[in-house]
Amino acid sequence: MEPTDISPPDQGIRSHWRDIPLRVRSEVEEWLGGKVVSAETQPTGFSPGVAAALTLADGQRVFIKAVASEPNPITPTMHRQEIKVVSAMPKDSPVPRLLWSYDEGTDGWVVLLFEHVEGRHPAKPWLATELDRVVAALEDLNARLTPSPLPNSIVGTASEMFDSEICGWRKLLDDRPSRLDCVDEWSRRHLETLADIEETIVDALVGDTLLHMDTRADNILLSHERIWFLDWPHACIGPAWLDVVAFASSVRMQGGPPPEVVISKHAACLVAESDTITAAVVSIAGYFTRQALLPPPPGLPTVRAFQAAQGLVARQWAAQRTGLA
């Protein structure tokens, strides 16, 4: 298996401010107390909804995320979950502050307004200096969010997430889709062994840190003063090392160093059980491998190519850690 030379774009097809119905835009402007005079769409990220920096007539700036049940019926649920998570964040967290939210309910629009943060996404290919800053900031974030400021009733645990969503080899073993032949020979040859390894991860994800669990370049903003972590619908509670392990394969995919180099920069990874990290890597590789075989979700036509590229890197990492040739 060879790593990809060029990663697919980390962006889908966005809606725009003017795509929001007038009644909803009016609610936004009424709360803001002014007219929106310009809207700059944020292109990165896969949500089919609106993600844009709004400027008001008085110069005030805010960031809006808004979505309806069309074209993707799952996205409003994710926005509602993010509202719960970011509303409960400690005020000193490196997370843009949620100013206001609006929810029309089933089949309606869900809107989040955040403080506007001046910053940019990390360069691609990754720069060593920026990666060091991000991993250090992630380590600090993990420390700030230990113990978790949110209860399990809001975010659930990493064990629950892996058991229901992440463990892809087990799902592939259950359904054995014919398209598995399209992945690579390594996956076919070791499918049962990989499923056995990932089976151990669910009970091993012990910890009390609130994790982001979707850390990648398009969910990070760099300013001169600090690093900001965006988009929190996948947050869960687990061991601090898991965030950087879940992040590492995306770094390699986008031109950064090998995953082992990335995790070596995070103190929690240095003291975690090696076999447990290996099981997590195997499970993450299985997740991306299986996701890439599925049809594109409604409104997200580009996400499968991105997952396939990350899966290739994750499988290479899993092969390295397990010794499965």
C-alpha atoms as a PDB file:
ATOM      1  CA  MET A   1       0.000   0.000   0.000  1.00  0.00           C
ATOM      2  CA  GLU A   2       1.309   3.410  -0.983  1.00  0.00           C
ATOM      3  CA  PRO A   3       0.132   6.697   0.553  1.00  0.00           C
ATOM      4  CA  THR A   4      -1.712   9.159  -1.649  1.00  0.00           C
ATOM      5  CA  ASP A   5       0.370  11.901  -3.225  1.00  0.00           C
ATOM      6  CA  ILE A   6      -2.481  14.416  -3.433  1.00  0.00           C
ATOM      7  CA  SER A   7      -5.396  14.352  -1.012  1.00  0.00           C
ATOM      8  CA  PRO A   8      -8.925  15.021  -2.273  1.00  0.00           C
ATOM      9  CA  PRO A   9     -10.308  18.479  -1.472  1.00  0.00           C
ATOM     10  CA  ASP A  10     -11.706  18.777   2.048  1.00  0.00           C
ATOM     11  CA  GLN A  11     -14.860  20.445   0.814  1.00  0.00           C
ATOM     12  CA  GLY A  12     -18.282  19.604  -0.490  1.00  0.00           C
ATOM     13  CA  ILE A  13     -21.074  21.694  -1.974  1.00  0.00           C
ATOM     14  CA  ARG A  14     -22.137  24.529   0.315  1.00  0.00           C
ATOM     15  CA  SER A  15     -25.400  26.427   0.422  1.00  0.00           C
ATOM     16  CA  HIS A  16     -25.185  30.207   0.754  1.00  0.00           C
ATOM     17  CA  TRP A  17     -26.713  32.924   2.902  1.00  0.00           C
ATOM     18  CA  ARG A  18     -29.262  33.797   0.188  1.00  0.00           C
ATOM     19  CA  ASP A  19     -30.350  30.143   0.041  1.00  0.00           C
ATOM     20  CA  ILE A  20     -31.795  30.500   3.542  1.00  0.00           C
ATOM     21  CA  PRO A  21     -35.517  31.358   3.410  1.00  0.00           C
ATOM     22  CA  LEU A  22     -36.355  35.009   3.991  1.00  0.00           C
ATOM     23  CA  ARG A  23     -38.289  34.206   7.174  1.00  0.00           C
ATOM     24  CA  VAL A  24     -35.170  32.624   8.709  1.00  0.00           C
ATOM     25  CA  ARG A  25     -32.828  35.373   7.537  1.00  0.00           C
ATOM     26  CA  SER A  26     -35.222  37.884   9.087  1.00  0.00           C
ATOM     27  CA  GLU A  27     -35.033  36.056  12.422  1.00  0.00           C
ATOM     28  CA  VAL A  28     -31.235  36.180  12.264  1.00  0.00           C
ATOM     29  CA  GLU A  29     -31.152  39.898  11.451  1.00  0.00           C
ATOM     30  CA  GLU A  30     -33.736  40.688  14.130  1.00  0.00           C
ATOM     31  CA  TRP A  31     -31.575  39.003  16.766  1.00  0.00           C
ATOM     32  CA  LEU A  32     -28.449  40.709  15.456  1.00  0.00           C
ATOM     33  CA  GLY A  33     -30.186  44.063  15.393  1.00  0.00           C
ATOM     34  CA  GLY A  34     -29.034  44.982  11.897  1.00  0.00           C
ATOM     35  CA  LYS A  35     -28.984  44.096   8.218  1.00  0.00           C
ATOM     36  CA  VAL A  36     -26.500  41.647   6.764  1.00  0.00           C
ATOM     37  CA  VAL A  37     -24.655  43.472   3.983  1.00  0.00           C
ATOM     38  CA  SER A  38     -22.262  40.708   2.931  1.00  0.00           C
ATOM     39  CA  ALA A  39     -21.790  36.983   3.427  1.00  0.00           C
ATOM     40  CA  GLU A  40     -18.548  35.116   2.718  1.00  0.00           C
ATOM     41  CA  THR A  41     -19.094  31.378   2.363  1.00  0.00           C
ATOM     42  CA  GLN A  42     -16.548  29.091   4.010  1.00  0.00           C
ATOM     43  CA  PRO A  43     -15.739  26.503   1.312  1.00  0.00           C
ATOM     44  CA  THR A  44     -14.021  23.799   3.402  1.00  0.00           C
ATOM     45  CA  GLY A  45     -15.994  21.120   5.185  1.00  0.00           C
ATOM     46  CA  PHE A  46     -18.547  18.644   3.897  1.00  0.00           C
ATOM     47  CA  SER A  47     -21.861  19.863   5.301  1.00  0.00           C
ATOM     48  CA  PRO A  48     -24.320  20.841   2.543  1.00  0.00           C
ATOM     49  CA  GLY A  49     -25.596  23.638   4.750  1.00  0.00           C
ATOM     50  CA  VAL A  50     -24.593  27.280   5.066  1.00  0.00           C
ATOM     51  CA  ALA A  51     -21.266  28.144   6.720  1.00  0.00           C
ATOM     52  CA  ALA A  52     -20.446  31.818   6.219  1.00  0.00           C
ATOM     53  CA  ALA A  53     -18.989  34.918   7.792  1.00  0.00           C
ATOM     54  CA  LEU A  54     -21.670  37.612   7.931  1.00  0.00           C
ATOM     55  CA  THR A  55     -20.934  41.336   8.010  1.00  0.00           C
ATOM     56  CA  LEU A  56     -23.591  43.776   9.229  1.00  0.00           C
ATOM     57  CA  ALA A  57     -24.089  47.368   8.197  1.00  0.00           C
ATOM     58  CA  ASP A  58     -22.433  48.573  11.422  1.00  0.00           C
ATOM     59  CA  GLY A  59     -19.333  46.429  10.765  1.00  0.00           C
ATOM     60  CA  GLN A  60     -20.209  43.695  13.262  1.00  0.00           C
ATOM     61  CA  ARG A  61     -19.146  40.223  12.103  1.00  0.00           C
ATOM     62  CA  VAL A  62     -20.490  36.812  13.116  1.00  0.00           C
ATOM     63  CA  PHE A  63     -20.244  33.295  11.738  1.00  0.00           C
ATOM     64  CA  ILE A  64     -23.397  31.403  10.771  1.00  0.00           C
ATOM     65  CA  LYS A  65     -24.044  27.698  10.339  1.00  0.00           C
ATOM     66  CA  ALA A  66     -27.505  26.833   9.061  1.00  0.00           C
ATOM     67  CA  VAL A  67     -29.138  23.792   7.527  1.00  0.00           C
ATOM     68  CA  ALA A  68     -32.501  22.245   6.703  1.00  0.00           C
ATOM     69  CA  SER A  69     -33.467  18.604   6.295  1.00  0.00           C
ATOM     70  CA  GLU A  70     -32.855  18.842   2.547  1.00  0.00           C
ATOM     71  CA  PRO A  71     -30.673  17.646   0.956  1.00  0.00           C
ATOM     72  CA  ASN A  72     -29.270  15.698   3.929  1.00  0.00           C
ATOM     73  CA  PRO A  73     -31.690  14.752   6.724  1.00  0.00           C
ATOM     74  CA  ILE A  74     -28.895  13.868   9.183  1.00  0.00           C
ATOM     75  CA  THR A  75     -27.207  17.288   9.226  1.00  0.00           C
ATOM     76  CA  PRO A  76     -29.874  19.106  11.303  1.00  0.00           C
ATOM     77  CA  THR A  77     -29.448  16.476  14.018  1.00  0.00           C
ATOM     78  CA  MET A  78     -25.703  17.125  13.996  1.00  0.00           C
ATOM     79  CA  HIS A  79     -26.288  20.873  14.300  1.00  0.00           C
ATOM     80  CA  ARG A  80     -28.637  20.317  17.239  1.00  0.00           C
ATOM     81  CA  GLN A  81     -26.004  18.163  18.916  1.00  0.00           C
ATOM     82  CA  GLU A  82     -23.359  20.825  18.379  1.00  0.00           C
ATOM     83  CA  ILE A  83     -25.631  23.389  20.045  1.00  0.00           C
ATOM     84  CA  LYS A  84     -25.763  21.213  23.171  1.00  0.00           C
ATOM     85  CA  VAL A  85     -22.005  20.662  23.194  1.00  0.00           C
ATOM     86  CA  VAL A  86     -20.698  24.176  22.592  1.00  0.00           C
ATOM     87  CA  SER A  87     -23.300  25.736  24.899  1.00  0.00           C
ATOM     88  CA  ALA A  88     -21.782  23.771  27.786  1.00  0.00           C
ATOM     89  CA  MET A  89     -18.134  24.489  26.987  1.00  0.00           C
ATOM     90  CA  PRO A  90     -16.021  26.333  29.575  1.00  0.00           C
ATOM     91  CA  LYS A  91     -15.691  29.979  28.564  1.00  0.00           C
ATOM     92  CA  ASP A  92     -11.904  29.770  28.291  1.00  0.00           C
ATOM     93  CA  SER A  93     -12.018  26.877  25.808  1.00  0.00           C
ATOM     94  CA  PRO A  94     -10.433  27.483  22.379  1.00  0.00           C
ATOM     95  CA  VAL A  95     -13.857  27.072  20.797  1.00  0.00           C
ATOM     96  CA  PRO A  96     -15.736  29.945  19.117  1.00  0.00           C
ATOM     97  CA  ARG A  97     -18.510  31.067  21.448  1.00  0.00           C
ATOM     98  CA  LEU A  98     -22.078  30.249  20.469  1.00  0.00           C
ATOM     99  CA  LEU A  99     -24.044  33.500  20.546  1.00  0.00           C
ATOM    100  CA  TRP A 100     -27.525  32.332  19.530  1.00  0.00           C
ATOM    101  CA  SER A 101     -29.369  29.408  18.033  1.00  0.00           C
ATOM    102  CA  TYR A 102     -32.677  28.971  16.259  1.00  0.00           C
ATOM    103  CA  ASP A 103     -34.552  25.747  15.550  1.00  0.00           C
ATOM    104  CA  GLU A 104     -37.773  25.404  13.564  1.00  0.00           C
ATOM    105  CA  GLY A 105     -38.125  21.746  14.468  1.00  0.00           C
ATOM    106  CA  THR A 106     -38.836  18.802  12.177  1.00  0.00           C
ATOM    107  CA  ASP A 107     -38.335  19.674   8.484  1.00  0.00           C
ATOM    108  CA  GLY A 108     -37.382  23.228   9.424  1.00  0.00           C
ATOM    109  CA  TRP A 109     -34.105  25.136   9.645  1.00  0.00           C
ATOM    110  CA  VAL A 110     -31.513  24.950  12.415  1.00  0.00           C
ATOM    111  CA  VAL A 111     -29.244  27.994  12.813  1.00  0.00           C
ATOM    112  CA  LEU A 112     -26.142  28.585  14.941  1.00  0.00           C
ATOM    113  CA  LEU A 113     -24.508  32.003  15.280  1.00  0.00           C
ATOM    114  CA  PHE A 114     -20.924  32.068  16.564  1.00  0.00           C
ATOM    115  CA  GLU A 115     -18.545  34.832  17.425  1.00  0.00           C
ATOM    116  CA  HIS A 116     -16.360  35.549  14.402  1.00  0.00           C
ATOM    117  CA  VAL A 117     -12.786  34.327  14.812  1.00  0.00           C
ATOM    118  CA  GLU A 118     -10.043  35.764  12.639  1.00  0.00           C
ATOM    119  CA  GLY A 119      -7.813  32.958  11.496  1.00  0.00           C
ATOM    120  CA  ARG A 120      -6.952  30.548   8.726  1.00  0.00           C
ATOM    121  CA  HIS A 121      -6.810  26.804   8.283  1.00  0.00           C
ATOM    122  CA  PRO A 122      -3.415  25.053   8.444  1.00  0.00           C
ATOM    123  CA  ALA A 123      -1.411  25.019   5.240  1.00  0.00           C
ATOM    124  CA  LYS A 124      -1.563  21.983   2.983  1.00  0.00           C
ATOM    125  CA  PRO A 125       0.789  20.224   2.748  1.00  0.00           C
ATOM    126  CA  TRP A 126       1.151  20.526   6.497  1.00  0.00           C
ATOM    127  CA  LEU A 127       4.024  22.677   7.775  1.00  0.00           C
ATOM    128  CA  ALA A 128       6.055  21.273  10.663  1.00  0.00           C
ATOM    129  CA  THR A 129       5.750  24.457  12.702  1.00  0.00           C
ATOM    130  CA  GLU A 130       1.981  24.578  12.323  1.00  0.00           C
ATOM    131  CA  LEU A 131       1.584  20.903  13.134  1.00  0.00           C
ATOM    132  CA  ASP A 132       3.610  21.341  16.323  1.00  0.00           C
ATOM    133  CA  ARG A 133       1.362  24.253  17.317  1.00  0.00           C
ATOM    134  CA  VAL A 134      -1.803  22.276  16.625  1.00  0.00           C
ATOM    135  CA  VAL A 135      -0.741  19.139  18.518  1.00  0.00           C
ATOM    136  CA  ALA A 136       0.374  21.250  21.491  1.00  0.00           C
ATOM    137  CA  ALA A 137      -2.971  23.085  21.395  1.00  0.00           C
ATOM    138  CA  LEU A 138      -4.828  19.761  21.186  1.00  0.00           C
ATOM    139  CA  GLU A 139      -2.919  18.503  24.202  1.00  0.00           C
ATOM    140  CA  ASP A 140      -3.842  21.686  26.086  1.00  0.00           C
ATOM    141  CA  LEU A 141      -7.473  21.319  24.977  1.00  0.00           C
ATOM    142  CA  ASN A 142      -7.546  17.748  26.285  1.00  0.00           C
ATOM    143  CA  ALA A 143      -6.193  18.948  29.625  1.00  0.00           C
ATOM    144  CA  ARG A 144      -8.784  21.754  29.850  1.00  0.00           C
ATOM    145  CA  LEU A 145     -11.599  19.318  29.122  1.00  0.00           C
ATOM    146  CA  THR A 146     -10.534  16.734  31.726  1.00  0.00           C
ATOM    147  CA  PRO A 147     -12.721  15.858  33.491  1.00  0.00           C
ATOM    148  CA  SER A 148     -15.386  16.376  30.871  1.00  0.00           C
ATOM    149  CA  PRO A 149     -17.571  19.443  31.514  1.00  0.00           C
ATOM    150  CA  LEU A 150     -20.426  17.603  29.772  1.00  0.00           C
ATOM    151  CA  PRO A 151     -22.215  14.520  31.139  1.00  0.00           C
ATOM    152  CA  ASN A 152     -22.519  11.225  29.280  1.00  0.00           C
ATOM    153  CA  SER A 153     -26.196  11.949  28.778  1.00  0.00           C
ATOM    154  CA  ILE A 154     -25.287  14.696  26.282  1.00  0.00           C
ATOM    155  CA  VAL A 155     -22.265  13.324  24.443  1.00  0.00           C
ATOM    156  CA  GLY A 156     -21.950   9.611  25.195  1.00  0.00           C
ATOM    157  CA  THR A 157     -18.656   7.751  25.455  1.00  0.00           C
ATOM    158  CA  ALA A 158     -15.931   6.845  22.996  1.00  0.00           C
ATOM    159  CA  SER A 159     -16.664   3.174  23.729  1.00  0.00           C
ATOM    160  CA  GLU A 160     -20.271   3.650  22.630  1.00  0.00           C
ATOM    161  CA  MET A 161     -19.194   5.536  19.513  1.00  0.00           C
ATOM    162  CA  PHE A 162     -16.694   2.879  18.462  1.00  0.00           C
ATOM    163  CA  ASP A 163     -19.131   0.067  19.171  1.00  0.00           C
ATOM    164  CA  SER A 164     -21.961   1.584  17.123  1.00  0.00           C
ATOM    165  CA  GLU A 165     -20.200   3.631  14.434  1.00  0.00           C
ATOM    166  CA  ILE A 166     -16.434   3.172  14.096  1.00  0.00           C
ATOM    167  CA  CYS A 167     -15.703  -0.565  14.137  1.00  0.00           C
ATOM    168  CA  GLY A 168     -15.801  -1.066  10.364  1.00  0.00           C
ATOM    169  CA  TRP A 169     -13.977  -4.378  10.003  1.00  0.00           C
ATOM    170  CA  ARG A 170     -16.628  -6.098  12.077  1.00  0.00           C
ATOM    171  CA  LYS A 171     -19.334  -4.642   9.836  1.00  0.00           C
ATOM    172  CA  LEU A 172     -17.439  -5.702   6.724  1.00  0.00           C
ATOM    173  CA  LEU A 173     -17.086  -9.191   8.170  1.00  0.00           C
ATOM    174  CA  ASP A 174     -20.837  -9.317   8.733  1.00  0.00           C
ATOM    175  CA  ASP A 175     -21.914  -8.196   5.271  1.00  0.00           C
ATOM    176  CA  ARG A 176     -18.829  -8.918   3.103  1.00  0.00           C
ATOM    177  CA  PRO A 177     -19.908  -6.605   0.262  1.00  0.00           C
ATOM    178  CA  SER A 178     -18.604  -7.575  -3.153  1.00  0.00           C
ATOM    179  CA  ARG A 179     -16.976  -4.137  -3.406  1.00  0.00           C
ATOM    180  CA  LEU A 180     -14.494  -5.197  -0.745  1.00  0.00           C
ATOM    181  CA  ASP A 181     -12.631  -6.679  -3.689  1.00  0.00           C
ATOM    182  CA  CYS A 182     -12.095  -3.102  -4.859  1.00  0.00           C
ATOM    183  CA  VAL A 183     -10.276  -1.995  -1.695  1.00  0.00           C
ATOM    184  CA  ASP A 184      -7.011  -3.907  -1.614  1.00  0.00           C
ATOM    185  CA  GLU A 185      -5.781  -7.416  -1.223  1.00  0.00           C
ATOM    186  CA  TRP A 186      -4.376  -6.707   2.252  1.00  0.00           C
ATOM    187  CA  SER A 187      -7.836  -5.932   3.639  1.00  0.00           C
ATOM    188  CA  ARG A 188      -9.357  -9.059   2.128  1.00  0.00           C
ATOM    189  CA  ARG A 189      -6.565 -11.288   3.400  1.00  0.00           C
ATOM    190  CA  HIS A 190      -6.609 -10.001   6.979  1.00  0.00           C
ATOM    191  CA  LEU A 191     -10.305  -9.159   7.408  1.00  0.00           C
ATOM    192  CA  GLU A 192     -11.006 -11.650  10.203  1.00  0.00           C
ATOM    193  CA  THR A 193      -7.804 -10.793  12.096  1.00  0.00           C
ATOM    194  CA  LEU A 194      -8.532  -7.062  11.845  1.00  0.00           C
ATOM    195  CA  ALA A 195     -12.071  -7.617  13.123  1.00  0.00           C
ATOM    196  CA  ASP A 196     -10.671  -9.581  16.075  1.00  0.00           C
ATOM    197  CA  ILE A 197      -8.203  -6.797  16.929  1.00  0.00           C
ATOM    198  CA  GLU A 198     -10.778  -4.021  16.785  1.00  0.00           C
ATOM    199  CA  GLU A 199     -13.123  -6.065  18.980  1.00  0.00           C
ATOM    200  CA  THR A 200     -10.779  -5.316  21.898  1.00  0.00           C
ATOM    201  CA  ILE A 201     -11.036  -1.533  21.580  1.00  0.00           C
ATOM    202  CA  VAL A 202     -14.560  -0.981  22.882  1.00  0.00           C
ATOM    203  CA  ASP A 203     -13.790  -1.958  26.486  1.00  0.00           C
ATOM    204  CA  ALA A 204     -10.349  -0.331  26.405  1.00  0.00           C
ATOM    205  CA  LEU A 205     -11.421   3.261  25.730  1.00  0.00           C
ATOM    206  CA  VAL A 206     -11.409   4.329  29.365  1.00  0.00           C
ATOM    207  CA  GLY A 207     -11.072   8.017  30.170  1.00  0.00           C
ATOM    208  CA  ASP A 208     -12.869  11.161  31.312  1.00  0.00           C
ATOM    209  CA  THR A 209     -11.739  13.686  28.681  1.00  0.00           C
ATOM    210  CA  LEU A 210     -14.207  15.455  26.417  1.00  0.00           C
ATOM    211  CA  LEU A 211     -12.899  14.615  22.943  1.00  0.00           C
ATOM    212  CA  HIS A 212     -13.481  16.416  19.665  1.00  0.00           C
ATOM    213  CA  MET A 213     -13.193  13.225  17.560  1.00  0.00           C
ATOM    214  CA  ASP A 214     -13.232  14.992  14.189  1.00  0.00           C
ATOM    215  CA  THR A 215      -9.980  16.935  14.323  1.00  0.00           C
ATOM    216  CA  ARG A 216      -8.558  17.668  10.873  1.00  0.00           C
ATOM    217  CA  ALA A 217      -7.289  20.735   9.021  1.00  0.00           C
ATOM    218  CA  ASP A 218     -10.689  22.081   7.963  1.00  0.00           C
ATOM    219  CA  ASN A 219     -11.905  21.995  11.588  1.00  0.00           C
ATOM    220  CA  ILE A 220      -8.964  24.045  12.870  1.00  0.00           C
ATOM    221  CA  LEU A 221      -8.277  27.780  12.703  1.00  0.00           C
ATOM    222  CA  LEU A 222      -4.874  29.327  13.392  1.00  0.00           C
ATOM    223  CA  SER A 223      -4.524  32.882  14.662  1.00  0.00           C
ATOM    224  CA  HIS A 224      -1.391  34.592  15.939  1.00  0.00           C
ATOM    225  CA  GLU A 225      -2.472  34.076  19.539  1.00  0.00           C
ATOM    226  CA  ARG A 226      -4.105  30.665  19.641  1.00  0.00           C
ATOM    227  CA  ILE A 227      -5.536  27.621  17.877  1.00  0.00           C
ATOM    228  CA  TRP A 228      -9.311  27.277  17.555  1.00  0.00           C
ATOM    229  CA  PHE A 229     -11.148  23.941  17.256  1.00  0.00           C
ATOM    230  CA  LEU A 230     -14.401  24.033  15.281  1.00  0.00           C
ATOM    231  CA  ASP A 231     -17.367  21.719  14.644  1.00  0.00           C
ATOM    232  CA  TRP A 232     -18.212  19.630  17.719  1.00  0.00           C
ATOM    233  CA  PRO A 233     -21.171  17.341  16.874  1.00  0.00           C
ATOM    234  CA  HIS A 234     -19.032  14.188  17.254  1.00  0.00           C
ATOM    235  CA  ALA A 235     -17.781  14.992  20.759  1.00  0.00           C
ATOM    236  CA  CYS A 236     -17.624  12.106  23.224  1.00  0.00           C
ATOM    237  CA  ILE A 237     -15.915  11.179  26.491  1.00  0.00           C
ATOM    238  CA  GLY A 238     -12.848   8.954  26.499  1.00  0.00           C
ATOM    239  CA  PRO A 239      -9.052   8.808  26.880  1.00  0.00           C
ATOM    240  CA  ALA A 240      -7.089  11.948  25.992  1.00  0.00           C
ATOM    241  CA  TRP A 241      -4.800  10.162  23.530  1.00  0.00           C
ATOM    242  CA  LEU A 242      -7.683   9.217  21.236  1.00  0.00           C
ATOM    243  CA  ASP A 243      -8.122  12.683  19.687  1.00  0.00           C
ATOM    244  CA  VAL A 244      -4.598  12.788  18.277  1.00  0.00           C
ATOM    245  CA  VAL A 245      -4.722   9.155  17.129  1.00  0.00           C
ATOM    246  CA  ALA A 246      -7.930   9.914  15.222  1.00  0.00           C
ATOM    247  CA  PHE A 247      -6.264  13.034  13.763  1.00  0.00           C
ATOM    248  CA  ALA A 248      -2.950  11.524  12.687  1.00  0.00           C
ATOM    249  CA  SER A 249      -3.940   9.755   9.459  1.00  0.00           C
ATOM    250  CA  SER A 250      -5.517  12.926   8.050  1.00  0.00           C
ATOM    251  CA  VAL A 251      -2.225  14.757   8.617  1.00  0.00           C
ATOM    252  CA  ARG A 252      -0.324  12.178   6.597  1.00  0.00           C
ATOM    253  CA  MET A 253      -2.987  12.221   3.880  1.00  0.00           C
ATOM    254  CA  GLN A 254      -2.601  15.994   3.595  1.00  0.00           C
ATOM    255  CA  GLY A 255       1.155  15.973   3.180  1.00  0.00           C
ATOM    256  CA  GLY A 256       2.320  15.816   6.778  1.00  0.00           C
ATOM    257  CA  PRO A 257       4.611  13.339   8.554  1.00  0.00           C
ATOM    258  CA  PRO A 258       3.743   9.693   9.253  1.00  0.00           C
ATOM    259  CA  PRO A 259       1.134   9.099  11.972  1.00  0.00           C
ATOM    260  CA  GLU A 260       3.707   7.706  14.415  1.00  0.00           C
ATOM    261  CA  VAL A 261       5.536  11.041  14.295  1.00  0.00           C
ATOM    262  CA  VAL A 262       2.293  12.928  14.953  1.00  0.00           C
ATOM    263  CA  ILE A 263       1.265  10.886  17.997  1.00  0.00           C
ATOM    264  CA  SER A 264       4.789  11.007  19.424  1.00  0.00           C
ATOM    265  CA  LYS A 265       4.255  14.742  19.963  1.00  0.00           C
ATOM    266  CA  HIS A 266       1.290  14.166  22.351  1.00  0.00           C
ATOM    267  CA  ALA A 267       2.195  13.235  25.925  1.00  0.00           C
ATOM    268  CA  ALA A 268      -0.875  11.053  26.507  1.00  0.00           C
ATOM    269  CA  CYS A 269       0.107   8.776  23.632  1.00  0.00           C
ATOM    270  CA  LEU A 270       3.506   8.163  25.195  1.00  0.00           C
ATOM    271  CA  VAL A 271       1.966   6.602  28.313  1.00  0.00           C
ATOM    272  CA  ALA A 272      -1.033   4.839  26.739  1.00  0.00           C
ATOM    273  CA  GLU A 273      -0.962   1.076  26.236  1.00  0.00           C
ATOM    274  CA  SER A 274       0.588   0.349  22.839  1.00  0.00           C
ATOM    275  CA  ASP A 275      -1.836  -2.490  22.095  1.00  0.00           C
ATOM    276  CA  THR A 276      -4.793  -0.236  22.831  1.00  0.00           C
ATOM    277  CA  ILE A 277      -3.535   2.441  20.440  1.00  0.00           C
ATOM    278  CA  THR A 278      -3.004  -0.272  17.829  1.00  0.00           C
ATOM    279  CA  ALA A 279      -6.572  -1.499  18.253  1.00  0.00           C
ATOM    280  CA  ALA A 280      -7.853   2.062  17.869  1.00  0.00           C
ATOM    281  CA  VAL A 281      -5.784   2.548  14.699  1.00  0.00           C
ATOM    282  CA  VAL A 282      -7.115  -0.720  13.288  1.00  0.00           C
ATOM    283  CA  SER A 283     -10.702   0.261  14.084  1.00  0.00           C
ATOM    284  CA  ILE A 284     -10.312   3.724  12.537  1.00  0.00           C
ATOM    285  CA  ALA A 285      -8.840   2.140   9.414  1.00  0.00           C
ATOM    286  CA  GLY A 286     -11.840  -0.164   9.236  1.00  0.00           C
ATOM    287  CA  TYR A 287     -14.220   2.757   9.587  1.00  0.00           C
ATOM    288  CA  PHE A 288     -12.756   4.674   6.640  1.00  0.00           C
ATOM    289  CA  THR A 289     -12.415   1.526   4.558  1.00  0.00           C
ATOM    290  CA  ARG A 290     -16.083   0.652   4.961  1.00  0.00           C
ATOM    291  CA  GLN A 291     -17.363   4.224   4.619  1.00  0.00           C
ATOM    292  CA  ALA A 292     -15.568   4.596   1.298  1.00  0.00           C
ATOM    293  CA  LEU A 293     -17.547   1.637  -0.078  1.00  0.00           C
ATOM    294  CA  LEU A 294     -20.932   3.197   0.673  1.00  0.00           C
ATOM    295  CA  PRO A 295     -22.921   5.420  -1.705  1.00  0.00           C
ATOM    296  CA  PRO A 296     -22.379   9.154  -1.136  1.00  0.00           C
ATOM    297  CA  PRO A 297     -24.759  10.584   1.472  1.00  0.00           C
ATOM    298  CA  PRO A 298     -27.387  12.969   0.068  1.00  0.00           C
ATOM    299  CA  GLY A 299     -25.812  16.379  -0.516  1.00  0.00           C
ATOM    300  CA  LEU A 300     -22.259  15.196   0.250  1.00  0.00           C
ATOM    301  CA  PRO A 301     -20.927  13.982  -3.115  1.00  0.00           C
ATOM    302  CA  THR A 302     -17.235  14.422  -2.284  1.00  0.00           C
ATOM    303  CA  VAL A 303     -16.943  12.853   1.163  1.00  0.00           C
ATOM    304  CA  ARG A 304     -16.378   9.246   0.023  1.00  0.00           C
ATOM    305  CA  ALA A 305     -13.238  10.123  -1.960  1.00  0.00           C
ATOM    306  CA  PHE A 306     -11.861  11.924   1.106  1.00  0.00           C
ATOM    307  CA  GLN A 307     -12.652   8.918   3.306  1.00  0.00           C
ATOM    308  CA  ALA A 308     -11.075   6.541   0.792  1.00  0.00           C
ATOM    309  CA  ALA A 309      -7.831   8.523   0.818  1.00  0.00           C
ATOM    310  CA  GLN A 310      -7.744   8.664   4.618  1.00  0.00           C
ATOM    311  CA  GLY A 311      -8.561   4.956   4.751  1.00  0.00           C
ATOM    312  CA  LEU A 312      -5.551   4.154   2.583  1.00  0.00           C
ATOM    313  CA  VAL A 313      -3.236   5.952   4.999  1.00  0.00           C
ATOM    314  CA  ALA A 314      -4.962   4.436   8.034  1.00  0.00           C
ATOM    315  CA  ARG A 315      -4.606   0.905   6.621  1.00  0.00           C
ATOM    316  CA  GLN A 316      -0.926   1.477   5.975  1.00  0.00           C
ATOM    317  CA  TRP A 317      -0.549   2.629   9.579  1.00  0.00           C
ATOM    318  CA  ALA A 318      -2.510  -0.380  10.852  1.00  0.00           C
ATOM    319  CA  ALA A 319      -0.281  -2.724   8.826  1.00  0.00           C
ATOM    320  CA  GLN A 320       2.802  -1.100  10.358  1.00  0.00           C
ATOM    321  CA  ARG A 321       1.550  -1.382  13.944  1.00  0.00           C
ATOM    322  CA  THR A 322       0.154  -4.915  13.663  1.00  0.00           C
ATOM    323  CA  GLY A 323       2.933  -6.380  11.511  1.00  0.00           C
ATOM    324  CA  LEU A 324       0.321  -7.821   9.148  1.00  0.00           C
ATOM    325  CA  ALA A 325       2.073  -7.960   5.790  1.00  0.00           C
END
